[in-house]
Structures are given as structure tokens and as C-alpha cells.
């Protein structure tokens, strides 16, 4: 069963006027359950309900974590034709307190914005994907025509380019969301870079963990890179 309206936060609208949750609800209402159950005896309505509930929880807006952000994305950025965006995810104890950092540059290398965001307890790979999703969302906000994403996670880059298979269900969901957002960019690519070339994004992730209240962050350990 889909969560009630009162159980979810206010979600921003997409350019098409629907937020992720509303689109998910529309799909759910359009499912012909009788036909679906006739096609496969192994599927029950309870299975479908459980699947949609998991997705509903997954697409909740980042409103809940916005207060845990170090630095702030530009509210209404001016259009930029080309961007270079560095991203990094970190998790202490892996899984443990986790965050990501994002640095947005123009093609000349001028910094446009940078921020880190705490995401709660997660693995380093989940933090990396959360950083990628945030990076793509910023690229869309700038209405960029060309974007180069840079990450020091070879695993993330290989998975997004098809080099490695994604086995974790949680990562599959994150990758699906990232790819759906990437489809809205006219031109993009993702590159692996050495960690020293991604230091600022890594620092922002570490700062976000340190700044998170009562979540196990602290200055006694370093971020764990995947």
C-alpha cells in the first residue's frame, strides 16, 4: 500500500509538473492487478504493494536531509552551457555515518558552488551514488548542455558505464534514479580521477559527517573511500 499523503514530505515539482512520488502513485494506480496476477501465479498483490512501498520510501525528497548540509547549492543558478562536477562519498565504519560532497565548476575551472550532505548510516558506495544523484540534479538546475562528472570511485564509474555489474538491490535503485536523471542531460560523461584530484569533494563529505549532530560523526576517523 502506498503511504498516505500525511506521511510524506513536500516534494519539488519536475519540469513536467510531477514529483517522483506523484509519478510513482500514478503508475501504481494504472497497474491492472487482475491481468498481472493472471500472467504469473508467483506474483501476489502483496508483493506488488511491498515493491511500490519500497520505491515510495526511496524517492522521498531530500528535504529531510537538507538541514544536514555543509554549504548550500545556489537557489536559482544562472544557465551555464558546460559544467565539470566533482563528487565523492564517504562512510565511516562502512556501513556507518555517511555523506557526500559535490563541487560544481564551469568549463574554465571557476567554482560555482560546493556542498556536502549527510545521509545517515550507509555504505560508501551508497554515499557515492547519492553524490552522483545530487550532482546530476545540480547540472539540471544549471540547465547545462555538457557535463563531465568526476569521481575517484572506480566502482561507481565502472558500474555507470557498464563495466561492472551492480549486485546490491539498494545500489540498483540508486543507479536507476541516477540514470533517469542523466537521461535529461543533452550530453554527459563520467570519468575516474585519482583521489588527490577529488580532494575538495572528499573534504566536504568529511565535514558533513563531522557536522551531523548525534549521528556518530566526529573527528576521530577519516572518511572511508570505496
Protein backbone atom coordinates (compact mmCIF):
# COMPACT_ATOMS: atom_id res chain seq x y z
CA UNK A 1 0.00 0.00 0.00
CA UNK A 2 1.29 3.43 -0.90
CA UNK A 3 1.96 5.72 2.12
CA UNK A 4 -0.76 8.23 2.98
CA UNK A 5 -0.36 11.87 1.93
CA UNK A 6 0.35 12.94 5.52
CA UNK A 7 3.29 10.54 5.78
CA UNK A 8 5.44 12.14 3.12
CA UNK A 9 7.29 15.48 2.90
CA UNK A 10 6.53 18.18 0.35
CA UNK A 11 8.34 17.32 -2.89
CA UNK A 12 9.59 19.72 -5.53
CA UNK A 13 7.97 19.53 -8.95
CA UNK A 14 9.83 18.33 -12.02
CA UNK A 15 9.81 20.33 -15.25
CA UNK A 16 6.85 18.18 -16.28
CA UNK A 17 4.91 19.22 -13.17
CA UNK A 18 5.09 15.88 -11.35
CA UNK A 19 7.35 14.97 -8.47
CA UNK A 20 8.79 11.45 -8.18
CA UNK A 21 6.22 10.41 -5.60
CA UNK A 22 3.27 11.61 -7.70
CA UNK A 23 4.62 9.80 -10.76
CA UNK A 24 5.01 6.64 -8.71
CA UNK A 25 1.45 6.95 -7.39
CA UNK A 26 0.15 7.41 -10.96
CA UNK A 27 1.94 4.26 -12.11
CA UNK A 28 0.58 2.33 -9.14
CA UNK A 29 -2.98 3.39 -9.90
CA UNK A 30 -2.52 2.33 -13.53
CA UNK A 31 -1.50 -1.25 -12.75
CA UNK A 32 -4.04 -3.84 -13.90
CA UNK A 33 -3.66 -6.21 -10.95
CA UNK A 34 -6.07 -8.83 -12.29
CA UNK A 35 -4.11 -9.12 -15.53
CA UNK A 36 -0.81 -9.15 -13.68
CA UNK A 37 -1.90 -11.95 -11.36
CA UNK A 38 -3.22 -13.99 -14.29
CA UNK A 39 0.11 -13.71 -16.06
CA UNK A 40 2.16 -15.07 -13.15
CA UNK A 41 1.00 -17.25 -10.30
CA UNK A 42 4.23 -16.42 -8.48
CA UNK A 43 3.16 -12.78 -8.05
CA UNK A 44 0.71 -11.57 -5.43
CA UNK A 45 -0.80 -8.14 -4.85
CA UNK A 46 1.03 -8.07 -1.52
CA UNK A 47 4.32 -8.47 -3.42
CA UNK A 48 3.47 -5.53 -5.69
CA UNK A 49 2.35 -3.41 -2.73
CA UNK A 50 5.62 -4.14 -0.94
CA UNK A 51 7.64 -3.23 -4.04
CA UNK A 52 5.88 0.10 -4.51
CA UNK A 53 6.22 0.90 -0.82
CA UNK A 54 9.98 0.35 -1.03
CA UNK A 55 10.16 2.66 -4.04
CA UNK A 56 7.97 5.24 -2.30
CA UNK A 57 10.42 5.31 0.59
CA UNK A 58 13.31 5.54 -1.88
CA UNK A 59 12.01 8.58 -3.75
CA UNK A 60 11.32 10.71 -0.69
CA UNK A 61 12.69 14.17 -1.27
CA UNK A 62 15.95 15.34 0.22
CA UNK A 63 14.04 17.85 2.34
CA UNK A 64 14.66 15.56 5.31
CA UNK A 65 18.45 15.88 4.92
CA UNK A 66 18.74 19.47 3.75
CA UNK A 67 19.41 20.65 7.30
CA UNK A 68 22.47 18.38 7.37
CA UNK A 69 24.18 20.16 4.51
CA UNK A 70 27.59 21.85 4.71
CA UNK A 71 27.49 24.76 2.25
CA UNK A 72 24.41 25.39 0.13
CA UNK A 73 23.59 24.86 -3.54
CA UNK A 74 22.69 28.04 -5.38
CA UNK A 75 18.94 28.62 -5.12
CA UNK A 76 18.39 29.81 -8.71
CA UNK A 77 21.61 29.42 -10.65
CA UNK A 78 22.11 31.16 -13.98
CA UNK A 79 22.27 28.93 -17.02
CA UNK A 80 25.73 27.52 -17.76
CA UNK A 81 26.45 25.70 -21.02
CA UNK A 82 29.19 23.40 -19.75
CA UNK A 83 30.00 22.06 -16.28
CA UNK A 84 32.61 19.90 -14.58
CA UNK A 85 31.28 18.36 -11.38
CA UNK A 86 33.41 16.54 -8.82
CA UNK A 87 31.66 14.18 -6.42
CA UNK A 88 32.69 11.91 -3.61
CA UNK A 89 31.03 9.74 -0.98
CA UNK A 90 32.34 8.70 2.41
CA UNK A 91 31.28 6.27 5.12
CA UNK A 92 32.88 5.71 8.49
CA UNK A 93 32.90 2.04 9.52
CA UNK A 94 31.28 1.22 6.13
CA UNK A 95 28.38 0.97 6.75
CA UNK A 96 28.26 3.83 9.19
CA UNK A 97 27.75 7.60 9.28
CA UNK A 98 27.90 8.65 5.63
CA UNK A 99 27.86 11.75 3.47
CA UNK A 100 28.77 13.02 0.03
CA UNK A 101 30.48 16.11 -1.32
CA UNK A 102 29.83 17.93 -4.60
CA UNK A 103 31.91 20.64 -6.29
CA UNK A 104 30.45 22.37 -9.35
CA UNK A 105 32.83 24.14 -11.75
CA UNK A 106 32.38 25.81 -15.10
CA UNK A 107 34.47 24.57 -18.02
CA UNK A 108 37.17 27.14 -17.21
CA UNK A 109 37.57 25.71 -13.73
CA UNK A 110 35.81 28.51 -11.86
CA UNK A 111 33.97 27.27 -8.75
CA UNK A 112 30.22 27.88 -8.95
CA UNK A 113 29.15 26.07 -5.79
CA UNK A 114 30.19 23.35 -3.39
CA UNK A 115 28.42 21.47 -0.62
CA UNK A 116 28.47 18.31 1.45
CA UNK A 117 25.39 16.47 2.71
CA UNK A 118 25.00 13.93 5.48
CA UNK A 119 22.75 10.97 4.56
CA UNK A 120 22.69 8.92 7.76
CA UNK A 121 24.01 5.38 8.02
CA UNK A 122 25.03 3.94 4.66
CA UNK A 123 27.85 2.21 2.81
CA UNK A 124 30.48 4.18 0.95
CA UNK A 125 29.04 3.02 -2.38
CA UNK A 126 25.57 4.25 -1.40
CA UNK A 127 27.14 7.59 -0.47
CA UNK A 128 28.90 7.75 -3.84
CA UNK A 129 25.62 7.18 -5.70
CA UNK A 130 23.83 9.73 -3.52
CA UNK A 131 26.56 12.18 -4.50
CA UNK A 132 26.09 11.37 -8.18
CA UNK A 133 22.33 11.92 -7.94
CA UNK A 134 22.88 15.28 -6.25
CA UNK A 135 25.48 16.21 -8.88
CA UNK A 136 23.10 15.44 -11.75
CA UNK A 137 20.34 17.41 -10.06
CA UNK A 138 22.67 20.42 -9.86
CA UNK A 139 23.57 20.04 -13.54
CA UNK A 140 19.87 20.09 -14.40
CA UNK A 141 19.37 23.16 -12.21
CA UNK A 142 22.05 24.98 -14.25
CA UNK A 143 20.39 23.78 -17.48
CA UNK A 144 23.80 22.61 -18.65
CA UNK A 145 24.20 21.22 -22.16
CA UNK A 146 27.51 19.46 -21.48
CA UNK A 147 28.58 17.90 -18.20
CA UNK A 148 31.63 15.94 -17.11
CA UNK A 149 31.24 14.15 -13.80
CA UNK A 150 34.44 13.23 -11.98
CA UNK A 151 34.69 10.64 -9.22
CA UNK A 152 37.57 8.83 -7.53
CA UNK A 153 35.37 5.73 -7.14
CA UNK A 154 36.36 3.32 -9.90
CA UNK A 155 33.48 1.09 -8.82
CA UNK A 156 30.90 3.83 -9.39
CA UNK A 157 32.36 4.84 -12.75
CA UNK A 158 32.59 1.26 -13.99
CA UNK A 159 29.05 0.46 -12.87
CA UNK A 160 27.63 3.58 -14.53
CA UNK A 161 29.47 2.87 -17.79
CA UNK A 162 28.57 -0.83 -17.84
CA UNK A 163 32.00 -2.18 -16.96
CA UNK A 164 30.88 -3.76 -13.70
CA UNK A 165 27.59 -5.42 -12.83
CA UNK A 166 25.54 -3.98 -9.95
CA UNK A 167 24.58 -6.71 -7.49
CA UNK A 168 23.19 -4.84 -4.48
CA UNK A 169 19.44 -4.10 -4.62
CA UNK A 170 19.96 -0.81 -2.80
CA UNK A 171 22.57 0.27 -5.34
CA UNK A 172 20.34 -0.84 -8.23
CA UNK A 173 17.65 1.56 -7.03
CA UNK A 174 20.12 4.43 -6.69
CA UNK A 175 21.62 3.70 -10.10
CA UNK A 176 18.14 3.67 -11.66
CA UNK A 177 17.39 7.09 -10.24
CA UNK A 178 20.76 8.44 -11.39
CA UNK A 179 20.27 7.12 -14.93
CA UNK A 180 16.75 8.52 -15.11
CA UNK A 181 18.11 11.95 -14.23
CA UNK A 182 21.05 11.60 -16.61
CA UNK A 183 18.65 10.96 -19.49
CA UNK A 184 17.54 14.58 -19.14
CA UNK A 185 21.03 15.91 -19.86
CA UNK A 186 21.82 16.57 -23.55
CA UNK A 187 25.45 15.44 -23.24
CA UNK A 188 27.38 13.93 -20.34
CA UNK A 189 30.16 11.57 -19.40
CA UNK A 190 31.63 10.28 -16.15
CA UNK A 191 35.37 9.93 -15.54
CA UNK A 192 37.50 8.27 -12.89
CA UNK A 193 40.12 10.57 -11.35
CA UNK A 194 42.80 9.99 -8.71
CA UNK A 195 41.70 10.77 -5.17
CA UNK A 196 44.09 13.72 -4.89
CA UNK A 197 42.27 15.38 -7.80
CA UNK A 198 38.99 14.96 -5.93
CA UNK A 199 40.19 16.24 -2.56
CA UNK A 200 37.70 19.08 -2.19
CA UNK A 201 34.67 16.85 -2.67
CA UNK A 202 36.16 14.37 -0.20
CA UNK A 203 36.74 17.14 2.34
CA UNK A 204 33.14 18.32 2.00
CA UNK A 205 31.84 14.80 2.66
CA UNK A 206 34.04 14.53 5.77
CA UNK A 207 32.88 17.94 7.01
CA UNK A 208 29.23 16.93 6.57
CA UNK A 209 29.76 13.83 8.71
CA UNK A 210 31.58 15.87 11.36
CA UNK A 211 28.77 18.45 11.42
CA UNK A 212 25.95 15.91 11.78
CA UNK A 213 24.51 16.07 15.33
CA UNK A 214 24.14 12.86 17.32
CA UNK A 215 24.78 10.66 14.31
CA UNK A 216 28.13 9.14 15.20
CA UNK A 217 30.16 11.66 13.25
CA UNK A 218 33.29 13.07 14.79
CA UNK A 219 36.84 13.96 14.08
CA UNK A 220 38.43 10.76 15.30
CA UNK A 221 38.38 8.93 11.98
CA UNK A 222 38.79 9.62 8.29
CA UNK A 223 36.20 9.01 5.55
CA UNK A 224 36.39 5.59 4.01
CA UNK A 225 36.66 5.60 0.21
CA UNK A 226 35.19 2.60 -1.61
